[in-house]
Amino acid sequence: MQTNNYFEKISVLRQILGDCDYKYPFPEVAFYCPNCKHRKKKLMLNIEKDVYKCWICGNSFSGSIQKLIKFVGNYSLLNEWNKLTQDGFQADVDIKDLLEPSSNKI
């Protein structure tokens, strides 16, 4: 059974987008849109499906919440979101180590 961490996800989103409206346990959350800056909360996020859409901007401002965090947030919040959604890729080694020839000779 998957555990829903709605409140943790909403906490990350509030750090980026400010105040929101939601009805628990329904997974949709409404924020002010950082793109069109409409006076009402028209940016809808479905935190269960990891998608967003502004009902004023339309399809020109919609997509995955990760894309939204990249647009208005920062890397540490994106990392935090990825941990909560368990979709983020966590590398055990640095990519530079994989690209550089090894110094150890066999």
Protein backbone atom coordinates (compact mmCIF):
# COMPACT_ATOMS: atom_id res chain seq x y z
CA MET A 1 0.00 0.00 0.00
CA GLN A 2 1.36 3.40 -0.97
CA THR A 3 1.49 5.99 1.78
CA ASN A 4 0.26 9.44 0.82
CA ASN A 5 2.55 12.21 1.98
CA TYR A 6 0.34 15.08 0.83
CA PHE A 7 1.26 17.42 3.66
CA GLU A 8 5.01 17.04 3.07
CA LYS A 9 4.52 17.67 -0.65
CA ILE A 10 2.31 20.70 0.04
CA SER A 11 5.00 22.02 2.40
CA VAL A 12 7.60 21.90 -0.39
CA LEU A 13 5.22 23.57 -2.84
CA ARG A 14 4.36 26.34 -0.36
CA GLN A 15 8.06 27.22 -0.11
CA ILE A 16 7.99 27.93 -3.83
CA LEU A 17 4.48 29.18 -4.58
CA GLY A 18 3.22 30.61 -1.29
CA ASP A 19 -0.24 30.13 0.17
CA CYS A 20 -2.60 27.51 -1.23
CA ASP A 21 -6.11 26.14 -0.97
CA TYR A 22 -6.96 22.44 -0.75
CA LYS A 23 -9.57 20.08 0.58
CA TYR A 24 -8.10 17.08 2.36
CA PRO A 25 -7.85 14.24 1.29
CA PHE A 26 -8.47 15.31 -2.31
CA PRO A 27 -5.04 15.56 -3.97
CA GLU A 28 -5.60 18.82 -5.87
CA VAL A 29 -4.10 22.04 -4.58
CA ALA A 30 -4.69 25.59 -5.87
CA PHE A 31 -1.97 28.27 -5.94
CA TYR A 32 -1.48 31.68 -7.51
CA CYS A 33 0.11 31.25 -10.93
CA PRO A 34 3.69 32.59 -11.14
CA ASN A 35 3.36 32.82 -14.92
CA CYS A 36 0.22 34.92 -15.47
CA LYS A 37 -0.04 36.26 -11.89
CA HIS A 38 -3.84 36.07 -11.95
CA ARG A 39 -5.59 37.61 -8.94
CA LYS A 40 -7.24 34.27 -8.04
CA LYS A 41 -5.65 30.89 -7.37
CA LYS A 42 -5.92 29.35 -10.82
CA LEU A 43 -2.80 27.16 -10.83
CA MET A 44 -4.05 23.66 -10.03
CA LEU A 45 -1.65 20.91 -8.98
CA ASN A 46 -2.57 17.26 -8.62
CA ILE A 47 0.07 16.06 -6.17
CA GLU A 48 -0.95 12.45 -6.57
CA LYS A 49 -0.47 12.44 -10.36
CA ASP A 50 2.46 14.94 -10.23
CA VAL A 51 0.94 17.36 -12.78
CA TYR A 52 -0.06 21.03 -12.86
CA LYS A 53 -2.07 23.36 -15.07
CA CYS A 54 -3.02 27.01 -14.92
CA TRP A 55 -6.62 27.50 -16.01
CA ILE A 56 -5.83 30.99 -17.27
CA CYS A 57 -2.58 30.24 -19.16
CA GLY A 58 -4.00 26.97 -20.49
CA ASN A 59 -1.82 24.24 -21.98
CA SER A 60 1.06 26.69 -22.42
CA PHE A 61 1.67 26.47 -18.65
CA SER A 62 1.14 22.85 -17.70
CA GLY A 63 3.16 19.69 -17.21
CA SER A 64 4.87 17.77 -14.44
CA ILE A 65 5.35 19.35 -11.03
CA GLN A 66 9.08 18.66 -11.37
CA LYS A 67 9.08 20.96 -14.42
CA LEU A 68 7.27 23.62 -12.40
CA ILE A 69 9.77 23.37 -9.54
CA LYS A 70 12.63 23.75 -12.04
CA PHE A 71 10.89 26.86 -13.45
CA VAL A 72 10.21 28.69 -10.17
CA GLY A 73 12.10 26.79 -7.48
CA ASN A 74 15.64 25.70 -6.85
CA TYR A 75 17.71 22.52 -6.94
CA SER A 76 17.38 21.68 -3.23
CA LEU A 77 13.57 21.88 -3.38
CA LEU A 78 13.58 19.77 -6.53
CA ASN A 79 15.70 17.21 -4.70
CA GLU A 80 13.29 17.26 -1.77
CA TRP A 81 10.31 16.81 -4.12
CA ASN A 82 12.03 13.90 -5.86
CA LYS A 83 12.59 12.18 -2.52
CA LEU A 84 8.92 12.59 -1.65
CA THR A 85 7.73 11.25 -4.99
CA GLN A 86 10.50 8.64 -5.15
CA ASP A 87 10.92 9.44 -8.84
CA GLY A 88 14.24 11.18 -8.51
CA PHE A 89 17.40 9.45 -9.67
CA GLN A 90 19.99 9.25 -6.94
CA ALA A 91 23.42 8.36 -8.27
CA ASP A 92 25.85 6.49 -6.04
CA VAL A 93 28.85 7.72 -8.01
CA ASP A 94 29.79 11.01 -9.54
CA ILE A 95 29.22 11.18 -13.30
CA LYS A 96 32.73 12.60 -13.76
CA ASP A 97 34.17 9.37 -12.34
CA LEU A 98 32.36 7.41 -15.01
CA LEU A 99 33.55 9.62 -17.87
CA GLU A 100 37.20 9.91 -16.89
CA PRO A 101 39.53 6.98 -17.63
CA SER A 102 40.48 5.19 -14.46
CA SER A 103 43.89 5.78 -13.01
CA ASN A 104 44.16 2.21 -11.73
CA LYS A 105 45.81 -0.08 -14.22
CA ILE A 106 45.12 -3.77 -14.20
